[in-house]
Amino acid sequence: MSSTNTNGNATATAAAQLVQRARQVAEAAKPVAAQVKPLAAQVKPLASEARQAASRGVYRARVWAAPQVERSGRVFQDTVAPKVADALQASAQKLDPGQPPHRSWRKGAAVISILLAAAATAVAAMARKRKAQSAASVDAEETAPAADEASASADGTASADGQVTDPARTS
């Protein structure tokens, strides 16, 4: 604990010495400040004039620069800007991937499938019609001799094998 008290006393002593030194410097600066005051009074109007001259110079520079900048802007807009705009448009066209590829093969496959189904239906319908016609012609051939016999027997005439059939009549 004694070391802490020693450190605390050392700090207080150092602070007191700093305060004393600052007071000495302030006392020494008072005569210098008294000598500088008349010089500051002489420099103050010169500084004010320099500030006003700089302000006028800045104003003149702005008056001159404004039309120059405006003219440059027009030239830039008329000459460089169209070139930049054209370059940007050309770049955009190069970057554009265009329209996505068409999926027309799917439509084509669907159309072909429909046409094949229609053709198969037509072929099946024609086959049915031929089968019906051939069955009708076979039936017609089989029924034609029987019909001839029936008509011949009704009349009492001979049949195809030469036999005469006369139906018995009852009256």
C-alpha atoms as a PDB file:
ATOM      1  CA  MET A   1       0.000   0.000   0.000  1.00  0.00           C
ATOM      2  CA  SER A   2       2.806   2.292   0.577  1.00  0.00           C
ATOM      3  CA  SER A   3       3.746   2.062  -3.090  1.00  0.00           C
ATOM      4  CA  THR A   4       0.265   3.268  -4.083  1.00  0.00           C
ATOM      5  CA  ASN A   5       0.554   6.295  -1.843  1.00  0.00           C
ATOM      6  CA  THR A   6       3.944   7.037  -3.327  1.00  0.00           C
ATOM      7  CA  ASN A   7       2.534   6.859  -6.890  1.00  0.00           C
ATOM      8  CA  GLY A   8      -0.412   9.061  -5.965  1.00  0.00           C
ATOM      9  CA  ASN A   9       1.938  11.624  -4.407  1.00  0.00           C
ATOM     10  CA  ALA A  10       4.198  11.481  -7.460  1.00  0.00           C
ATOM     11  CA  THR A  11       1.304  12.198  -9.789  1.00  0.00           C
ATOM     12  CA  ALA A  12       0.089  15.109  -7.700  1.00  0.00           C
ATOM     13  CA  THR A  13       3.604  16.546  -7.602  1.00  0.00           C
ATOM     14  CA  ALA A  14       4.000  16.243 -11.387  1.00  0.00           C
ATOM     15  CA  ALA A  15       0.646  17.960 -11.968  1.00  0.00           C
ATOM     16  CA  ALA A  16       1.612  20.831  -9.662  1.00  0.00           C
ATOM     17  CA  GLN A  17       4.900  21.303 -11.529  1.00  0.00           C
ATOM     18  CA  LEU A  18       3.071  21.405 -14.892  1.00  0.00           C
ATOM     19  CA  VAL A  19       0.659  24.057 -13.663  1.00  0.00           C
ATOM     20  CA  GLN A  20       3.567  26.164 -12.339  1.00  0.00           C
ATOM     21  CA  ARG A  21       5.442  25.875 -15.680  1.00  0.00           C
ATOM     22  CA  ALA A  22       2.300  26.886 -17.648  1.00  0.00           C
ATOM     23  CA  ARG A  23       1.949  30.016 -15.520  1.00  0.00           C
ATOM     24  CA  GLN A  24       5.578  30.937 -16.177  1.00  0.00           C
ATOM     25  CA  VAL A  25       5.120  30.557 -19.957  1.00  0.00           C
ATOM     26  CA  ALA A  26       1.968  32.679 -19.864  1.00  0.00           C
ATOM     27  CA  GLU A  27       3.799  35.436 -17.990  1.00  0.00           C
ATOM     28  CA  ALA A  28       6.613  35.322 -20.556  1.00  0.00           C
ATOM     29  CA  ALA A  29       4.138  35.478 -23.471  1.00  0.00           C
ATOM     30  CA  LYS A  30       2.413  38.651 -22.243  1.00  0.00           C
ATOM     31  CA  PRO A  31       5.171  41.030 -23.431  1.00  0.00           C
ATOM     32  CA  VAL A  32       5.368  39.193 -26.807  1.00  0.00           C
ATOM     33  CA  ALA A  33       1.588  39.465 -27.220  1.00  0.00           C
ATOM     34  CA  ALA A  34       1.807  43.186 -26.493  1.00  0.00           C
ATOM     35  CA  GLN A  35       4.367  43.553 -29.287  1.00  0.00           C
ATOM     36  CA  VAL A  36       2.283  41.500 -31.752  1.00  0.00           C
ATOM     37  CA  LYS A  37      -0.967  43.479 -31.253  1.00  0.00           C
ATOM     38  CA  PRO A  38       0.163  46.505 -33.300  1.00  0.00           C
ATOM     39  CA  LEU A  39       1.442  44.194 -36.081  1.00  0.00           C
ATOM     40  CA  ALA A  40      -1.929  42.350 -36.137  1.00  0.00           C
ATOM     41  CA  ALA A  41      -3.699  45.695 -36.445  1.00  0.00           C
ATOM     42  CA  GLN A  42      -1.526  46.547 -39.468  1.00  0.00           C
ATOM     43  CA  VAL A  43      -2.026  43.126 -41.109  1.00  0.00           C
ATOM     44  CA  LYS A  44      -5.795  42.985 -40.592  1.00  0.00           C
ATOM     45  CA  PRO A  45      -6.688  45.524 -43.338  1.00  0.00           C
ATOM     46  CA  LEU A  46      -4.249  43.839 -45.718  1.00  0.00           C
ATOM     47  CA  ALA A  47      -5.876  40.460 -45.059  1.00  0.00           C
ATOM     48  CA  SER A  48      -9.312  41.963 -45.626  1.00  0.00           C
ATOM     49  CA  GLU A  49      -8.188  43.441 -48.950  1.00  0.00           C
ATOM     50  CA  ALA A  50      -6.660  40.088 -49.965  1.00  0.00           C
ATOM     51  CA  ARG A  51      -9.929  38.344 -49.139  1.00  0.00           C
ATOM     52  CA  GLN A  52     -11.905  40.831 -51.244  1.00  0.00           C
ATOM     53  CA  ALA A  53      -9.448  40.525 -54.152  1.00  0.00           C
ATOM     54  CA  ALA A  54      -9.657  36.755 -54.030  1.00  0.00           C
ATOM     55  CA  SER A  55     -13.428  36.982 -53.959  1.00  0.00           C
ATOM     56  CA  ARG A  56     -13.396  39.228 -57.058  1.00  0.00           C
ATOM     57  CA  GLY A  57     -11.010  36.849 -58.801  1.00  0.00           C
ATOM     58  CA  VAL A  58     -13.229  33.865 -58.036  1.00  0.00           C
ATOM     59  CA  TYR A  59     -16.249  35.792 -59.305  1.00  0.00           C
ATOM     60  CA  ARG A  60     -14.458  36.742 -62.551  1.00  0.00           C
ATOM     61  CA  ALA A  61     -13.310  33.168 -63.011  1.00  0.00           C
ATOM     62  CA  ARG A  62     -16.848  31.905 -62.564  1.00  0.00           C
ATOM     63  CA  VAL A  63     -18.185  34.529 -65.001  1.00  0.00           C
ATOM     64  CA  TRP A  64     -15.645  33.408 -67.607  1.00  0.00           C
ATOM     65  CA  ALA A  65     -15.982  29.665 -66.922  1.00  0.00           C
ATOM     66  CA  ALA A  66     -19.792  29.440 -67.012  1.00  0.00           C
ATOM     67  CA  PRO A  67     -20.167  30.076 -70.782  1.00  0.00           C
ATOM     68  CA  GLN A  68     -17.108  27.933 -71.494  1.00  0.00           C
ATOM     69  CA  VAL A  69     -18.585  25.008 -69.603  1.00  0.00           C
ATOM     70  CA  GLU A  70     -21.956  25.553 -71.264  1.00  0.00           C
ATOM     71  CA  ARG A  71     -20.364  25.625 -74.732  1.00  0.00           C
ATOM     72  CA  SER A  72     -18.353  22.514 -73.918  1.00  0.00           C
ATOM     73  CA  GLY A  73     -21.537  20.793 -72.749  1.00  0.00           C
ATOM     74  CA  ARG A  74     -23.287  21.590 -76.024  1.00  0.00           C
ATOM     75  CA  VAL A  75     -20.336  20.354 -78.069  1.00  0.00           C
ATOM     76  CA  PHE A  76     -20.185  17.201 -75.973  1.00  0.00           C
ATOM     77  CA  GLN A  77     -23.914  16.680 -76.373  1.00  0.00           C
ATOM     78  CA  ASP A  78     -23.813  17.252 -80.137  1.00  0.00           C
ATOM     79  CA  THR A  79     -20.664  15.273 -80.968  1.00  0.00           C
ATOM     80  CA  VAL A  80     -19.649  12.839 -78.276  1.00  0.00           C
ATOM     81  CA  ALA A  81     -23.028  11.945 -76.795  1.00  0.00           C
ATOM     82  CA  PRO A  82     -24.471  10.528 -80.051  1.00  0.00           C
ATOM     83  CA  LYS A  83     -21.365   8.409 -80.490  1.00  0.00           C
ATOM     84  CA  VAL A  84     -21.625   7.160 -76.934  1.00  0.00           C
ATOM     85  CA  ALA A  85     -25.337   6.514 -77.393  1.00  0.00           C
ATOM     86  CA  ASP A  86     -24.672   4.602 -80.628  1.00  0.00           C
ATOM     87  CA  ALA A  87     -21.946   2.573 -78.935  1.00  0.00           C
ATOM     88  CA  LEU A  88     -24.306   1.742 -76.076  1.00  0.00           C
ATOM     89  CA  GLN A  89     -27.048   0.700 -78.488  1.00  0.00           C
ATOM     90  CA  ALA A  90     -24.634  -1.474 -80.456  1.00  0.00           C
ATOM     91  CA  SER A  91     -23.457  -3.096 -77.238  1.00  0.00           C
ATOM     92  CA  ALA A  92     -27.036  -3.697 -76.170  1.00  0.00           C
ATOM     93  CA  GLN A  93     -27.826  -5.354 -79.492  1.00  0.00           C
ATOM     94  CA  LYS A  94     -24.777  -7.582 -79.156  1.00  0.00           C
ATOM     95  CA  LEU A  95     -25.788  -8.534 -75.627  1.00  0.00           C
ATOM     96  CA  ASP A  96     -29.422  -9.241 -76.547  1.00  0.00           C
ATOM     97  CA  PRO A  97     -29.857 -13.008 -76.818  1.00  0.00           C
ATOM     98  CA  GLY A  98     -32.828 -12.595 -79.169  1.00  0.00           C
ATOM     99  CA  GLN A  99     -35.915 -14.692 -79.094  1.00  0.00           C
ATOM    100  CA  PRO A 100     -35.712 -18.085 -77.430  1.00  0.00           C
ATOM    101  CA  PRO A 101     -35.552 -21.020 -79.842  1.00  0.00           C
ATOM    102  CA  HIS A 102     -38.949 -22.175 -81.026  1.00  0.00           C
ATOM    103  CA  ARG A 103     -40.263 -25.456 -79.801  1.00  0.00           C
ATOM    104  CA  SER A 104     -41.865 -26.108 -83.202  1.00  0.00           C
ATOM    105  CA  TRP A 105     -40.810 -29.758 -83.280  1.00  0.00           C
ATOM    106  CA  ARG A 106     -43.408 -30.414 -80.586  1.00  0.00           C
ATOM    107  CA  LYS A 107     -46.114 -28.859 -82.705  1.00  0.00           C
ATOM    108  CA  GLY A 108     -44.899 -30.770 -85.737  1.00  0.00           C
ATOM    109  CA  ALA A 109     -44.947 -34.047 -83.814  1.00  0.00           C
ATOM    110  CA  ALA A 110     -48.488 -33.328 -82.634  1.00  0.00           C
ATOM    111  CA  VAL A 111     -49.635 -32.575 -86.187  1.00  0.00           C
ATOM    112  CA  ILE A 112     -48.001 -35.740 -87.518  1.00  0.00           C
ATOM    113  CA  SER A 113     -49.621 -37.797 -84.753  1.00  0.00           C
ATOM    114  CA  ILE A 114     -53.044 -36.386 -85.586  1.00  0.00           C
ATOM    115  CA  LEU A 115     -52.550 -37.051 -89.306  1.00  0.00           C
ATOM    116  CA  LEU A 116     -51.433 -40.632 -88.651  1.00  0.00           C
ATOM    117  CA  ALA A 117     -54.441 -41.236 -86.406  1.00  0.00           C
ATOM    118  CA  ALA A 118     -56.756 -39.830 -89.085  1.00  0.00           C
ATOM    119  CA  ALA A 119     -55.115 -42.015 -91.751  1.00  0.00           C
ATOM    120  CA  ALA A 120     -55.430 -45.105 -89.533  1.00  0.00           C
ATOM    121  CA  THR A 121     -59.103 -44.319 -88.950  1.00  0.00           C
ATOM    122  CA  ALA A 122     -59.677 -43.905 -92.690  1.00  0.00           C
ATOM    123  CA  VAL A 123     -57.906 -47.197 -93.462  1.00  0.00           C
ATOM    124  CA  ALA A 124     -59.965 -48.990 -90.791  1.00  0.00           C
ATOM    125  CA  ALA A 125     -63.182 -47.507 -92.172  1.00  0.00           C
ATOM    126  CA  MET A 126     -62.298 -48.577 -95.710  1.00  0.00           C
ATOM    127  CA  ALA A 127     -61.415 -52.095 -94.510  1.00  0.00           C
ATOM    128  CA  ARG A 128     -64.784 -52.359 -92.735  1.00  0.00           C
ATOM    129  CA  LYS A 129     -66.585 -51.135 -95.830  1.00  0.00           C
ATOM    130  CA  ARG A 130     -64.807 -53.673 -98.061  1.00  0.00           C
ATOM    131  CA  LYS A 131     -65.517 -56.438 -95.576  1.00  0.00           C
ATOM    132  CA  ALA A 132     -69.167 -55.452 -95.483  1.00  0.00           C
ATOM    133  CA  GLN A 133     -69.326 -55.294 -99.287  1.00  0.00           C
ATOM    134  CA  SER A 134     -67.622 -58.674 -99.680  1.00  0.00           C
ATOM    135  CA  ALA A 135     -69.929 -60.215 -97.070  1.00  0.00           C
ATOM    136  CA  ALA A 136     -72.925 -58.697 -98.848  1.00  0.00           C
ATOM    137  CA  SER A 137     -71.775 -60.020-102.214  1.00  0.00           C
ATOM    138  CA  VAL A 138     -71.233 -63.522-100.755  1.00  0.00           C
ATOM    139  CA  ASP A 139     -74.670 -63.387 -99.132  1.00  0.00           C
ATOM    140  CA  ALA A 140     -76.163 -62.129-102.372  1.00  0.00           C
ATOM    141  CA  GLU A 141     -74.586 -65.013-104.315  1.00  0.00           C
ATOM    142  CA  GLU A 142     -75.846 -67.564-101.776  1.00  0.00           C
ATOM    143  CA  THR A 143     -79.323 -66.116-101.591  1.00  0.00           C
ATOM    144  CA  ALA A 144     -79.654 -65.580-105.339  1.00  0.00           C
ATOM    145  CA  PRO A 145     -79.843 -69.338-106.256  1.00  0.00           C
ATOM    146  CA  ALA A 146     -82.164 -69.992-103.335  1.00  0.00           C
ATOM    147  CA  ALA A 147     -84.321 -67.133-104.435  1.00  0.00           C
ATOM    148  CA  ASP A 148     -84.324 -68.499-107.972  1.00  0.00           C
ATOM    149  CA  GLU A 149     -85.378 -71.905-106.694  1.00  0.00           C
ATOM    150  CA  ALA A 150     -88.065 -70.396-104.563  1.00  0.00           C
ATOM    151  CA  SER A 151     -89.441 -68.425-107.458  1.00  0.00           C
ATOM    152  CA  ALA A 152     -89.224 -71.466-109.744  1.00  0.00           C
ATOM    153  CA  SER A 153     -90.977 -73.709-107.245  1.00  0.00           C
ATOM    154  CA  ALA A 154     -93.697 -71.205-106.802  1.00  0.00           C
ATOM    155  CA  ASP A 155     -94.275 -71.184-110.517  1.00  0.00           C
ATOM    156  CA  GLY A 156     -93.869 -74.902-110.877  1.00  0.00           C
ATOM    157  CA  THR A 157     -90.782 -74.688-112.982  1.00  0.00           C
ATOM    158  CA  ALA A 158     -87.578 -76.629-112.879  1.00  0.00           C
ATOM    159  CA  SER A 159     -84.816 -75.825-110.490  1.00  0.00           C
ATOM    160  CA  ALA A 160     -81.151 -75.517-111.329  1.00  0.00           C
ATOM    161  CA  ASP A 161     -80.563 -79.301-110.981  1.00  0.00           C
ATOM    162  CA  GLY A 162     -83.420 -80.026-113.367  1.00  0.00           C
ATOM    163  CA  GLN A 163     -86.121 -81.242-111.003  1.00  0.00           C
ATOM    164  CA  VAL A 164     -89.538 -79.829-111.316  1.00  0.00           C
ATOM    165  CA  THR A 165     -91.188 -79.133-108.127  1.00  0.00           C
ATOM    166  CA  ASP A 166     -94.851 -78.553-108.038  1.00  0.00           C
ATOM    167  CA  PRO A 167     -96.149 -77.682-104.756  1.00  0.00           C
ATOM    168  CA  ALA A 168     -99.185 -79.503-103.660  1.00  0.00           C
ATOM    169  CA  ARG A 169    -102.128 -77.403-103.947  1.00  0.00           C
ATOM    170  CA  THR A 170    -105.112 -77.849-101.873  1.00  0.00           C
ATOM    171  CA  SER A 171    -108.272 -76.310-102.931  1.00  0.00           C
END
